[in-house]
Amino acid sequence: MNFIMNIKDLKAETILGIFDWEKKAKRPVILTIELHLEKSKAGDSDDMSDAVDYAMLEENIIKRLEASNYNLIERLVTDIGQLILSLDKRILKVTVEADKPGALKQARSISISATFNQ
């Protein structure tokens, strides 16, 4: 049995944009992440050592975003997708969607998503 783990609406702040005013202050981004996990013993063992540690994922993603600067949201999505795959080899595939609230005047946000494989 394979599992799908979802991290929904993970909020962090980072520098994101191409304009000078966008590079002066961190802005919020919101991530939705879908992780496809290899067959897990955790479903049978109920042991944390057999599971992907989602708190560790959250901590590493937030640290990366807060320490980084991105011109393009596409680069942000790529960076986070590659980071996630590097953190636990039991993650077979990850889809990262990043929302940039306030990027458009008449829309809540703009978002980009991409899928990365191990």
PDB file of N, CA and C in Angstrom:
ATOM      1  N   MET A   1       0.845  -1.181   0.000  1.00  0.00           N
ATOM      2  CA  MET A   1       0.000   0.000   0.000  1.00  0.00           C
ATOM      3  C   MET A   1       0.887   1.239   0.000  1.00  0.00           C
ATOM      4  N   ASN A   2       0.629   2.141  -0.930  1.00  0.00           N
ATOM      5  CA  ASN A   2       1.328   3.421  -0.964  1.00  0.00           C
ATOM      6  C   ASN A   2       0.438   4.478  -0.320  1.00  0.00           C
ATOM      7  N   PHE A   3       1.070   5.501   0.206  1.00  0.00           N
ATOM      8  CA  PHE A   3       0.339   6.587   0.851  1.00  0.00           C
ATOM      9  C   PHE A   3       0.548   7.885   0.087  1.00  0.00           C
ATOM     10  N   ILE A   4      -0.431   8.766   0.173  1.00  0.00           N
ATOM     11  CA  ILE A   4      -0.304  10.135  -0.307  1.00  0.00           C
ATOM     12  C   ILE A   4      -0.478  11.029   0.903  1.00  0.00           C
ATOM     13  N   MET A   5       0.509  11.873   1.146  1.00  0.00           N
ATOM     14  CA  MET A   5       0.461  12.836   2.246  1.00  0.00           C
ATOM     15  C   MET A   5       0.280  14.224   1.639  1.00  0.00           C
ATOM     16  N   ASN A   6      -0.608  15.015   2.221  1.00  0.00           N
ATOM     17  CA  ASN A   6      -0.829  16.380   1.765  1.00  0.00           C
ATOM     18  C   ASN A   6      -0.508  17.360   2.874  1.00  0.00           C
ATOM     19  N   ILE A   7       0.268  18.370   2.528  1.00  0.00           N
ATOM     20  CA  ILE A   7       0.514  19.500   3.424  1.00  0.00           C
ATOM     21  C   ILE A   7      -0.203  20.667   2.758  1.00  0.00           C
ATOM     22  N   LYS A   8      -1.217  21.180   3.428  1.00  0.00           N
ATOM     23  CA  LYS A   8      -2.077  22.191   2.809  1.00  0.00           C
ATOM     24  C   LYS A   8      -1.847  23.559   3.426  1.00  0.00           C
ATOM     25  N   ASP A   9      -1.742  24.553   2.561  1.00  0.00           N
ATOM     26  CA  ASP A   9      -1.674  25.960   2.967  1.00  0.00           C
ATOM     27  C   ASP A   9      -0.540  26.245   3.944  1.00  0.00           C
ATOM     28  N   LEU A  10       0.652  25.737   3.635  1.00  0.00           N
ATOM     29  CA  LEU A  10       1.839  26.030   4.429  1.00  0.00           C
ATOM     30  C   LEU A  10       2.283  27.452   4.113  1.00  0.00           C
ATOM     31  N   LYS A  11       2.310  28.288   5.123  1.00  0.00           N
ATOM     32  CA  LYS A  11       2.631  29.705   4.925  1.00  0.00           C
ATOM     33  C   LYS A  11       4.052  29.991   5.369  1.00  0.00           C
ATOM     34  N   ALA A  12       4.744  30.759   4.548  1.00  0.00           N
ATOM     35  CA  ALA A  12       6.100  31.200   4.863  1.00  0.00           C
ATOM     36  C   ALA A  12       6.333  32.529   4.168  1.00  0.00           C
ATOM     37  N   GLU A  13       7.415  33.174   4.518  1.00  0.00           N
ATOM     38  CA  GLU A  13       7.752  34.441   3.876  1.00  0.00           C
ATOM     39  C   GLU A  13       9.110  34.326   3.201  1.00  0.00           C
ATOM     40  N   THR A  14       9.195  34.954   2.030  1.00  0.00           N
ATOM     41  CA  THR A  14      10.426  34.933   1.258  1.00  0.00           C
ATOM     42  C   THR A  14      10.463  36.156   0.351  1.00  0.00           C
ATOM     43  N   ILE A  15      11.621  36.412  -0.202  1.00  0.00           N
ATOM     44  CA  ILE A  15      11.748  37.442  -1.237  1.00  0.00           C
ATOM     45  C   ILE A  15      11.366  36.773  -2.555  1.00  0.00           C
ATOM     46  N   LEU A  16      10.381  37.338  -3.243  1.00  0.00           N
ATOM     47  CA  LEU A  16       9.891  36.750  -4.483  1.00  0.00           C
ATOM     48  C   LEU A  16       9.435  37.850  -5.429  1.00  0.00           C
ATOM     49  N   GLY A  17      10.129  37.982  -6.547  1.00  0.00           N
ATOM     50  CA  GLY A  17       9.708  38.940  -7.558  1.00  0.00           C
ATOM     51  C   GLY A  17      10.878  39.513  -8.327  1.00  0.00           C
ATOM     52  N   ILE A  18      10.551  40.164  -9.437  1.00  0.00           N
ATOM     53  CA  ILE A  18      11.576  40.737 -10.311  1.00  0.00           C
ATOM     54  C   ILE A  18      11.717  42.250 -10.154  1.00  0.00           C
ATOM     55  N   PHE A  19      10.728  42.887  -9.541  1.00  0.00           N
ATOM     56  CA  PHE A  19      10.771  44.333  -9.409  1.00  0.00           C
ATOM     57  C   PHE A  19      11.526  44.745  -8.148  1.00  0.00           C
ATOM     58  N   ASP A  20      12.155  45.902  -8.202  1.00  0.00           N
ATOM     59  CA  ASP A  20      12.944  46.382  -7.060  1.00  0.00           C
ATOM     60  C   ASP A  20      12.125  46.417  -5.779  1.00  0.00           C
ATOM     61  N   TRP A  21      10.875  46.867  -5.855  1.00  0.00           N
ATOM     62  CA  TRP A  21      10.054  46.953  -4.652  1.00  0.00           C
ATOM     63  C   TRP A  21       9.739  45.568  -4.086  1.00  0.00           C
ATOM     64  N   GLU A  22       9.726  44.551  -4.937  1.00  0.00           N
ATOM     65  CA  GLU A  22       9.474  43.184  -4.465  1.00  0.00           C
ATOM     66  C   GLU A  22      10.698  42.603  -3.753  1.00  0.00           C
ATOM     67  N   LYS A  23      11.866  43.117  -4.083  1.00  0.00           N
ATOM     68  CA  LYS A  23      13.105  42.598  -3.508  1.00  0.00           C
ATOM     69  C   LYS A  23      13.451  43.241  -2.166  1.00  0.00           C
ATOM     70  N   LYS A  24      12.672  44.231  -1.750  1.00  0.00           N
ATOM     71  CA  LYS A  24      12.983  44.975  -0.521  1.00  0.00           C
ATOM     72  C   LYS A  24      12.423  44.330   0.739  1.00  0.00           C
ATOM     73  N   ALA A  25      11.390  43.537   0.597  1.00  0.00           N
ATOM     74  CA  ALA A  25      10.765  42.953   1.795  1.00  0.00           C
ATOM     75  C   ALA A  25      10.226  41.567   1.473  1.00  0.00           C
ATOM     76  N   LYS A  26      10.280  40.708   2.470  1.00  0.00           N
ATOM     77  CA  LYS A  26       9.708  39.384   2.305  1.00  0.00           C
ATOM     78  C   LYS A  26       8.202  39.497   2.154  1.00  0.00           C
ATOM     79  N   ARG A  27       7.653  38.585   1.392  1.00  0.00           N
ATOM     80  CA  ARG A  27       6.204  38.537   1.190  1.00  0.00           C
ATOM     81  C   ARG A  27       5.728  37.121   1.452  1.00  0.00           C
ATOM     82  N   PRO A  28       4.463  36.965   1.798  1.00  0.00           N
ATOM     83  CA  PRO A  28       3.969  35.618   2.070  1.00  0.00           C
ATOM     84  C   PRO A  28       3.810  34.798   0.792  1.00  0.00           C
ATOM     85  N   VAL A  29       4.098  33.530   0.928  1.00  0.00           N
ATOM     86  CA  VAL A  29       3.762  32.542  -0.097  1.00  0.00           C
ATOM     87  C   VAL A  29       3.034  31.407   0.619  1.00  0.00           C
ATOM     88  N   ILE A  30       2.175  30.759  -0.112  1.00  0.00           N
ATOM     89  CA  ILE A  30       1.392  29.664   0.465  1.00  0.00           C
ATOM     90  C   ILE A  30       1.616  28.430  -0.402  1.00  0.00           C
ATOM     91  N   LEU A  31       2.054  27.352   0.240  1.00  0.00           N
ATOM     92  CA  LEU A  31       2.354  26.126  -0.481  1.00  0.00           C
ATOM     93  C   LEU A  31       1.338  25.037  -0.160  1.00  0.00           C
ATOM     94  N   THR A  32       0.973  24.296  -1.183  1.00  0.00           N
ATOM     95  CA  THR A  32       0.229  23.055  -1.020  1.00  0.00           C
ATOM     96  C   THR A  32       1.105  21.981  -1.640  1.00  0.00           C
ATOM     97  N   ILE A  33       1.357  20.932  -0.856  1.00  0.00           N
ATOM     98  CA  ILE A  33       2.328  19.919  -1.248  1.00  0.00           C
ATOM     99  C   ILE A  33       1.673  18.543  -1.167  1.00  0.00           C
ATOM    100  N   GLU A  34       1.795  17.783  -2.246  1.00  0.00           N
ATOM    101  CA  GLU A  34       1.304  16.411  -2.278  1.00  0.00           C
ATOM    102  C   GLU A  34       2.501  15.481  -2.419  1.00  0.00           C
ATOM    103  N   LEU A  35       2.665  14.592  -1.438  1.00  0.00           N
ATOM    104  CA  LEU A  35       3.792  13.669  -1.408  1.00  0.00           C
ATOM    105  C   LEU A  35       3.305  12.249  -1.645  1.00  0.00           C
ATOM    106  N   HIS A  36       3.913  11.579  -2.600  1.00  0.00           N
ATOM    107  CA  HIS A  36       3.618  10.167  -2.847  1.00  0.00           C
ATOM    108  C   HIS A  36       4.724   9.376  -2.175  1.00  0.00           C
ATOM    109  N   LEU A  37       4.337   8.542  -1.224  1.00  0.00           N
ATOM    110  CA  LEU A  37       5.294   7.823  -0.395  1.00  0.00           C
ATOM    111  C   LEU A  37       5.339   6.359  -0.789  1.00  0.00           C
ATOM    112  N   GLU A  38       6.530   5.772  -0.688  1.00  0.00           N
ATOM    113  CA  GLU A  38       6.649   4.340  -0.972  1.00  0.00           C
ATOM    114  C   GLU A  38       5.876   3.546   0.059  1.00  0.00           C
ATOM    115  N   LYS A  39       5.645   2.310  -0.265  1.00  0.00           N
ATOM    116  CA  LYS A  39       4.930   1.437   0.660  1.00  0.00           C
ATOM    117  C   LYS A  39       5.533   1.605   2.054  1.00  0.00           C
ATOM    118  N   SER A  40       4.708   1.922   2.994  1.00  0.00           N
ATOM    119  CA  SER A  40       5.179   2.291   4.319  1.00  0.00           C
ATOM    120  C   SER A  40       4.844   1.230   5.352  1.00  0.00           C
ATOM    121  N   LYS A  41       5.819   0.936   6.199  1.00  0.00           N
ATOM    122  CA  LYS A  41       5.586   0.048   7.323  1.00  0.00           C
ATOM    123  C   LYS A  41       4.773   0.750   8.402  1.00  0.00           C
ATOM    124  N   ALA A  42       4.704   2.066   8.349  1.00  0.00           N
ATOM    125  CA  ALA A  42       4.042   2.834   9.406  1.00  0.00           C
ATOM    126  C   ALA A  42       2.572   2.459   9.564  1.00  0.00           C
ATOM    127  N   GLY A  43       1.917   2.104   8.478  1.00  0.00           N
ATOM    128  CA  GLY A  43       0.514   1.715   8.555  1.00  0.00           C
ATOM    129  C   GLY A  43       0.283   0.470   9.389  1.00  0.00           C
ATOM    130  N   ASP A  44       1.282  -0.384   9.426  1.00  0.00           N
ATOM    131  CA  ASP A  44       1.192  -1.600  10.234  1.00  0.00           C
ATOM    132  C   ASP A  44       1.857  -1.439  11.595  1.00  0.00           C
ATOM    133  N   SER A  45       3.012  -0.777  11.616  1.00  0.00           N
ATOM    134  CA  SER A  45       3.798  -0.719  12.850  1.00  0.00           C
ATOM    135  C   SER A  45       3.324   0.347  13.827  1.00  0.00           C
ATOM    136  N   ASP A  46       2.715   1.420  13.300  1.00  0.00           N
ATOM    137  CA  ASP A  46       2.314   2.561  14.135  1.00  0.00           C
ATOM    138  C   ASP A  46       3.521   3.168  14.844  1.00  0.00           C
ATOM    139  N   ASP A  47       4.680   3.096  14.176  1.00  0.00           N
ATOM    140  CA  ASP A  47       5.947   3.562  14.734  1.00  0.00           C
ATOM    141  C   ASP A  47       6.442   4.746  13.914  1.00  0.00           C
ATOM    142  N   MET A  48       6.744   5.850  14.585  1.00  0.00           N
ATOM    143  CA  MET A  48       7.166   7.069  13.907  1.00  0.00           C
ATOM    144  C   MET A  48       8.426   6.865  13.069  1.00  0.00           C
ATOM    145  N   SER A  49       9.307   5.978  13.483  1.00  0.00           N
ATOM    146  CA  SER A  49      10.538   5.764  12.718  1.00  0.00           C
ATOM    147  C   SER A  49      10.253   5.159  11.334  1.00  0.00           C
ATOM    148  N   ASP A  50       9.070   4.623  11.144  1.00  0.00           N
ATOM    149  CA  ASP A  50       8.675   4.066   9.849  1.00  0.00           C
ATOM    150  C   ASP A  50       7.916   5.069   8.981  1.00  0.00           C
ATOM    151  N   ALA A  51       7.702   6.266   9.488  1.00  0.00           N
ATOM    152  CA  ALA A  51       6.890   7.270   8.781  1.00  0.00           C
ATOM    153  C   ALA A  51       7.746   8.446   8.319  1.00  0.00           C
ATOM    154  N   VAL A  52       7.269   9.132   7.290  1.00  0.00           N
ATOM    155  CA  VAL A  52       7.889  10.388   6.868  1.00  0.00           C
ATOM    156  C   VAL A  52       7.492  11.452   7.891  1.00  0.00           C
ATOM    157  N   ASP A  53       8.467  12.162   8.387  1.00  0.00           N
ATOM    158  CA  ASP A  53       8.270  13.157   9.443  1.00  0.00           C
ATOM    159  C   ASP A  53       7.821  14.483   8.822  1.00  0.00           C
ATOM    160  N   TYR A  54       6.524  14.746   8.833  1.00  0.00           N
ATOM    161  CA  TYR A  54       6.014  15.962   8.190  1.00  0.00           C
ATOM    162  C   TYR A  54       6.397  17.225   8.948  1.00  0.00           C
ATOM    163  N   ALA A  55       6.622  17.149  10.246  1.00  0.00           N
ATOM    164  CA  ALA A  55       7.090  18.330  10.991  1.00  0.00           C
ATOM    165  C   ALA A  55       8.498  18.713  10.543  1.00  0.00           C
ATOM    166  N   MET A  56       9.338  17.715  10.280  1.00  0.00           N
ATOM    167  CA  MET A  56      10.686  17.970   9.772  1.00  0.00           C
ATOM    168  C   MET A  56      10.619  18.604   8.387  1.00  0.00           C
ATOM    169  N   LEU A  57       9.701  18.111   7.546  1.00  0.00           N
ATOM    170  CA  LEU A  57       9.528  18.698   6.217  1.00  0.00           C
ATOM    171  C   LEU A  57       9.143  20.164   6.336  1.00  0.00           C
ATOM    172  N   GLU A  58       8.148  20.445   7.171  1.00  0.00           N
ATOM    173  CA  GLU A  58       7.695  21.826   7.358  1.00  0.00           C
ATOM    174  C   GLU A  58       8.846  22.722   7.801  1.00  0.00           C
ATOM    175  N   GLU A  59       9.596  22.282   8.783  1.00  0.00           N
ATOM    176  CA  GLU A  59      10.702  23.085   9.315  1.00  0.00           C
ATOM    177  C   GLU A  59      11.739  23.397   8.237  1.00  0.00           C
ATOM    178  N   ASN A  60      12.111  22.386   7.453  1.00  0.00           N
ATOM    179  CA  ASN A  60      13.108  22.586   6.407  1.00  0.00           C
ATOM    180  C   ASN A  60      12.608  23.465   5.269  1.00  0.00           C
ATOM    181  N   ILE A  61      11.355  23.314   4.899  1.00  0.00           N
ATOM    182  CA  ILE A  61      10.782  24.149   3.840  1.00  0.00           C
ATOM    183  C   ILE A  61      10.754  25.606   4.278  1.00  0.00           C
ATOM    184  N   ILE A  62      10.281  25.867   5.488  1.00  0.00           N
ATOM    185  CA  ILE A  62      10.207  27.247   5.974  1.00  0.00           C
ATOM    186  C   ILE A  62      11.596  27.862   6.081  1.00  0.00           C
ATOM    187  N   LYS A  63      12.556  27.108   6.613  1.00  0.00           N
ATOM    188  CA  LYS A  63      13.934  27.614   6.702  1.00  0.00           C
ATOM    189  C   LYS A  63      14.472  27.976   5.327  1.00  0.00           C
ATOM    190  N   ARG A  64      14.233  27.103   4.340  1.00  0.00           N
ATOM    191  CA  ARG A  64      14.732  27.367   2.990  1.00  0.00           C
ATOM    192  C   ARG A  64      14.105  28.624   2.413  1.00  0.00           C
ATOM    193  N   LEU A  65      12.789  28.755   2.543  1.00  0.00           N
ATOM    194  CA  LEU A  65      12.115  29.927   1.987  1.00  0.00           C
ATOM    195  C   LEU A  65      12.573  31.209   2.662  1.00  0.00           C
ATOM    196  N   GLU A  66      12.671  31.196   3.977  1.00  0.00           N
ATOM    197  CA  GLU A  66      13.058  32.409   4.706  1.00  0.00           C
ATOM    198  C   GLU A  66      14.490  32.830   4.405  1.00  0.00           C
ATOM    199  N   ALA A  67      15.343  31.888   4.002  1.00  0.00           N
ATOM    200  CA  ALA A  67      16.746  32.195   3.734  1.00  0.00           C
ATOM    201  C   ALA A  67      17.024  32.471   2.254  1.00  0.00           C
ATOM    202  N   SER A  68      16.005  32.353   1.409  1.00  0.00           N
ATOM    203  CA  SER A  68      16.224  32.430  -0.034  1.00  0.00           C
ATOM    204  C   SER A  68      15.601  33.663  -0.658  1.00  0.00           C
ATOM    205  N   ASN A  69      16.084  33.970  -1.859  1.00  0.00           N
ATOM    206  CA  ASN A  69      15.532  35.020  -2.703  1.00  0.00           C
ATOM    207  C   ASN A  69      15.241  34.409  -4.066  1.00  0.00           C
ATOM    208  N   TYR A  70      14.072  34.689  -4.592  1.00  0.00           N
ATOM    209  CA  TYR A  70      13.685  34.144  -5.895  1.00  0.00           C
ATOM    210  C   TYR A  70      13.182  35.283  -6.782  1.00  0.00           C
ATOM    211  N   ASN A  71      13.587  35.251  -8.036  1.00  0.00           N
ATOM    212  CA  ASN A  71      12.999  36.156  -9.012  1.00  0.00           C
ATOM    213  C   ASN A  71      11.644  35.629  -9.464  1.00  0.00           C
ATOM    214  N   LEU A  72      11.590  34.320  -9.712  1.00  0.00           N
ATOM    215  CA  LEU A  72      10.400  33.717 -10.306  1.00  0.00           C
ATOM    216  C   LEU A  72       9.797  32.652  -9.402  1.00  0.00           C
ATOM    217  N   ILE A  73       8.485  32.584  -9.416  1.00  0.00           N
ATOM    218  CA  ILE A  73       7.774  31.572  -8.630  1.00  0.00           C
ATOM    219  C   ILE A  73       8.087  30.168  -9.157  1.00  0.00           C
ATOM    220  N   GLU A  74       8.400  30.060 -10.441  1.00  0.00           N
ATOM    221  CA  GLU A  74       8.786  28.771 -11.002  1.00  0.00           C
ATOM    222  C   GLU A  74      10.066  28.251 -10.339  1.00  0.00           C
ATOM    223  N   ARG A  75      11.005  29.135 -10.077  1.00  0.00           N
ATOM    224  CA  ARG A  75      12.256  28.737  -9.409  1.00  0.00           C
ATOM    225  C   ARG A  75      11.981  28.316  -7.972  1.00  0.00           C
ATOM    226  N   LEU A  76      11.105  29.043  -7.297  1.00  0.00           N
ATOM    227  CA  LEU A  76      10.733  28.699  -5.926  1.00  0.00           C
ATOM    228  C   LEU A  76      10.157  27.282  -5.882  1.00  0.00           C
ATOM    229  N   VAL A  77       9.232  26.975  -6.775  1.00  0.00           N
ATOM    230  CA  VAL A  77       8.603  25.653  -6.808  1.00  0.00           C
ATOM    231  C   VAL A  77       9.650  24.568  -7.076  1.00  0.00           C
ATOM    232  N   THR A  78      10.551  24.825  -8.007  1.00  0.00           N
ATOM    233  CA  THR A  78      11.606  23.864  -8.322  1.00  0.00           C
ATOM    234  C   THR A  78      12.518  23.634  -7.127  1.00  0.00           C
ATOM    235  N   ASP A  79      12.924  24.706  -6.471  1.00  0.00           N
ATOM    236  CA  ASP A  79      13.802  24.610  -5.308  1.00  0.00           C
ATOM    237  C   ASP A  79      13.158  23.786  -4.197  1.00  0.00           C
ATOM    238  N   ILE A  80      11.903  24.055  -3.905  1.00  0.00           N
ATOM    239  CA  ILE A  80      11.219  23.340  -2.819  1.00  0.00           C
ATOM    240  C   ILE A  80      10.970  21.879  -3.202  1.00  0.00           C
ATOM    241  N   GLY A  81      10.609  21.611  -4.440  1.00  0.00           N
ATOM    242  CA  GLY A  81      10.416  20.231  -4.878  1.00  0.00           C
ATOM    243  C   GLY A  81      11.690  19.412  -4.739  1.00  0.00           C
ATOM    244  N   GLN A  82      12.808  19.978  -5.175  1.00  0.00           N
ATOM    245  CA  GLN A  82      14.091  19.286  -5.060  1.00  0.00           C
ATOM    246  C   GLN A  82      14.501  19.114  -3.599  1.00  0.00           C
ATOM    247  N   LEU A  83      14.258  20.119  -2.786  1.00  0.00           N
ATOM    248  CA  LEU A  83      14.566  20.020  -1.355  1.00  0.00           C
ATOM    249  C   LEU A  83      13.802  18.857  -0.726  1.00  0.00           C
ATOM    250  N   ILE A  84      12.510  18.798  -0.965  1.00  0.00           N
ATOM    251  CA  ILE A  84      11.673  17.763  -0.357  1.00  0.00           C
ATOM    252  C   ILE A  84      12.170  16.368  -0.736  1.00  0.00           C
ATOM    253  N   LEU A  85      12.483  16.163  -2.012  1.00  0.00           N
ATOM    254  CA  LEU A  85      12.963  14.847  -2.435  1.00  0.00           C
ATOM    255  C   LEU A  85      14.288  14.486  -1.767  1.00  0.00           C
ATOM    256  N   SER A  86      15.093  15.482  -1.464  1.00  0.00           N
ATOM    257  CA  SER A  86      16.389  15.215  -0.829  1.00  0.00           C
ATOM    258  C   SER A  86      16.263  14.876   0.652  1.00  0.00           C
ATOM    259  N   LEU A  87      15.143  15.203   1.262  1.00  0.00           N
ATOM    260  CA  LEU A  87      15.005  15.047   2.713  1.00  0.00           C
ATOM    261  C   LEU A  87      14.616  13.638   3.152  1.00  0.00           C
ATOM    262  N   ASP A  88      13.958  12.883   2.284  1.00  0.00           N
ATOM    263  CA  ASP A  88      13.548  11.528   2.670  1.00  0.00           C
ATOM    264  C   ASP A  88      13.366  10.713   1.396  1.00  0.00           C
ATOM    265  N   LYS A  89      14.172   9.692   1.231  1.00  0.00           N
ATOM    266  CA  LYS A  89      14.137   8.868   0.011  1.00  0.00           C
ATOM    267  C   LYS A  89      12.858   8.064  -0.115  1.00  0.00           C
ATOM    268  N   ARG A  90      12.046   8.005   0.932  1.00  0.00           N
ATOM    269  CA  ARG A  90      10.766   7.294   0.845  1.00  0.00           C
ATOM    270  C   ARG A  90       9.723   8.123   0.107  1.00  0.00           C
ATOM    271  N   ILE A  91      10.034   9.381  -0.181  1.00  0.00           N
ATOM    272  CA  ILE A  91       9.148  10.233  -0.982  1.00  0.00           C
ATOM    273  C   ILE A  91       9.474   9.952  -2.445  1.00  0.00           C
ATOM    274  N   LEU A  92       8.545   9.328  -3.139  1.00  0.00           N
ATOM    275  CA  LEU A  92       8.769   8.920  -4.524  1.00  0.00           C
ATOM    276  C   LEU A  92       8.496  10.044  -5.510  1.00  0.00           C
ATOM    277  N   LYS A  93       7.513  10.864  -5.174  1.00  0.00           N
ATOM    278  CA  LYS A  93       7.074  11.933  -6.079  1.00  0.00           C
ATOM    279  C   LYS A  93       6.475  13.033  -5.220  1.00  0.00           C
ATOM    280  N   VAL A  94       6.668  14.269  -5.642  1.00  0.00           N
ATOM    281  CA  VAL A  94       6.079  15.392  -4.915  1.00  0.00           C
ATOM    282  C   VAL A  94       5.547  16.412  -5.922  1.00  0.00           C
ATOM    283  N   THR A  95       4.371  16.932  -5.636  1.00  0.00           N
ATOM    284  CA  THR A  95       3.822  18.049  -6.384  1.00  0.00           C
ATOM    285  C   THR A  95       3.785  19.240  -5.449  1.00  0.00           C
ATOM    286  N   VAL A  96       4.373  20.334  -5.897  1.00  0.00           N
ATOM    287  CA  VAL A  96       4.421  21.563  -5.111  1.00  0.00           C
ATOM    288  C   VAL A  96       3.634  22.631  -5.858  1.00  0.00           C
ATOM    289  N   GLU A  97       2.680  23.232  -5.164  1.00  0.00           N
ATOM    290  CA  GLU A  97       1.955  24.389  -5.698  1.00  0.00           C
ATOM    291  C   GLU A  97       2.267  25.576  -4.799  1.00  0.00           C
ATOM    292  N   ALA A  98       2.702  26.670  -5.410  1.00  0.00           N
ATOM    293  CA  ALA A  98       3.003  27.887  -4.657  1.00  0.00           C
ATOM    294  C   ALA A  98       2.061  28.995  -5.101  1.00  0.00           C
ATOM    295  N   ASP A  99       1.430  29.634  -4.131  1.00  0.00           N
ATOM    296  CA  ASP A  99       0.565  30.788  -4.368  1.00  0.00           C
ATOM    297  C   ASP A  99       1.302  32.057  -3.969  1.00  0.00           C
ATOM    298  N   LYS A 100       1.197  33.073  -4.811  1.00  0.00           N
ATOM    299  CA  LYS A 100       1.770  34.398  -4.535  1.00  0.00           C
ATOM    300  C   LYS A 100       0.588  35.367  -4.393  1.00  0.00           C
ATOM    301  N   PRO A 101       0.079  35.522  -3.157  1.00  0.00           N
ATOM    302  CA  PRO A 101      -1.073  36.407  -2.944  1.00  0.00           C
ATOM    303  C   PRO A 101      -0.747  37.853  -3.320  1.00  0.00           C
ATOM    304  N   GLY A 102      -1.724  38.516  -3.894  1.00  0.00           N
ATOM    305  CA  GLY A 102      -1.578  39.934  -4.204  1.00  0.00           C
ATOM    306  C   GLY A 102      -0.762  40.242  -5.438  1.00  0.00           C
ATOM    307  N   ALA A 103      -0.369  39.241  -6.196  1.00  0.00           N
ATOM    308  CA  ALA A 103       0.451  39.479  -7.388  1.00  0.00           C
ATOM    309  C   ALA A 103      -0.346  40.141  -8.513  1.00  0.00           C
ATOM    310  N   LEU A 104      -1.648  39.895  -8.535  1.00  0.00           N
ATOM    311  CA  LEU A 104      -2.529  40.491  -9.535  1.00  0.00           C
ATOM    312  C   LEU A 104      -3.578  41.342  -8.838  1.00  0.00           C
ATOM    313  N   LYS A 105      -3.975  42.418  -9.485  1.00  0.00           N
ATOM    314  CA  LYS A 105      -4.934  43.333  -8.865  1.00  0.00           C
ATOM    315  C   LYS A 105      -6.325  42.733  -8.706  1.00  0.00           C
ATOM    316  N   GLN A 106      -6.759  41.938  -9.656  1.00  0.00           N
ATOM    317  CA  GLN A 106      -8.133  41.446  -9.653  1.00  0.00           C
ATOM    318  C   GLN A 106      -8.255  39.966  -9.282  1.00  0.00           C
ATOM    319  N   ALA A 107      -7.181  39.383  -8.779  1.00  0.00           N
ATOM    320  CA  ALA A 107      -7.208  37.963  -8.392  1.00  0.00           C
ATOM    321  C   ALA A 107      -6.610  37.812  -6.994  1.00  0.00           C
ATOM    322  N   ARG A 108      -7.074  36.801  -6.282  1.00  0.00           N
ATOM    323  CA  ARG A 108      -6.553  36.536  -4.938  1.00  0.00           C
ATOM    324  C   ARG A 108      -5.064  36.229  -4.989  1.00  0.00           C
ATOM    325  N   SER A 109      -4.663  35.442  -6.013  1.00  0.00           N
ATOM    326  CA  SER A 109      -3.248  35.079  -6.117  1.00  0.00           C
ATOM    327  C   SER A 109      -2.957  34.544  -7.503  1.00  0.00           C
ATOM    328  N   ILE A 110      -1.677  34.330  -7.732  1.00  0.00           N
ATOM    329  CA  ILE A 110      -1.205  33.569  -8.896  1.00  0.00           C
ATOM    330  C   ILE A 110      -0.531  32.342  -8.310  1.00  0.00           C
ATOM    331  N   SER A 111      -0.668  31.210  -8.982  1.00  0.00           N
ATOM    332  CA  SER A 111       0.010  30.011  -8.474  1.00  0.00           C
ATOM    333  C   SER A 111       0.643  29.247  -9.619  1.00  0.00           C
ATOM    334  N   ILE A 112       1.670  28.516  -9.255  1.00  0.00           N
ATOM    335  CA  ILE A 112       2.384  27.633 -10.175  1.00  0.00           C
ATOM    336  C   ILE A 112       2.520  26.295  -9.463  1.00  0.00           C
ATOM    337  N   SER A 113       2.370  25.208 -10.205  1.00  0.00           N
ATOM    338  CA  SER A 113       2.624  23.894  -9.608  1.00  0.00           C
ATOM    339  C   SER A 113       3.467  23.062 -10.570  1.00  0.00           C
ATOM    340  N   ALA A 114       4.218  22.145  -9.976  1.00  0.00           N
ATOM    341  CA  ALA A 114       5.043  21.228 -10.746  1.00  0.00           C
ATOM    342  C   ALA A 114       5.211  19.942  -9.947  1.00  0.00           C
ATOM    343  N   THR A 115       5.468  18.864 -10.671  1.00  0.00           N
ATOM    344  CA  THR A 115       5.664  17.558 -10.049  1.00  0.00           C
ATOM    345  C   THR A 115       7.098  17.102 -10.306  1.00  0.00           C
ATOM    346  N   PHE A 116       7.698  16.550  -9.248  1.00  0.00           N
ATOM    347  CA  PHE A 116       9.092  16.092  -9.283  1.00  0.00           C
ATOM    348  C   PHE A 116       9.143  14.645  -8.823  1.00  0.00           C
ATOM    349  N   ASN A 117       9.987  13.855  -9.475  1.00  0.00           N
ATOM    350  CA  ASN A 117      10.139  12.435  -9.149  1.00  0.00           C
ATOM    351  C   ASN A 117      11.524  12.173  -8.583  1.00  0.00           C
ATOM    352  N   GLN A 118      11.605  11.157  -7.736  1.00  0.00           N
ATOM    353  CA  GLN A 118      12.869  10.732  -7.123  1.00  0.00           C
ATOM    354  C   GLN A 118      13.793  10.203  -8.186  1.00  0.00           C
TER     355      GLN A 118
END
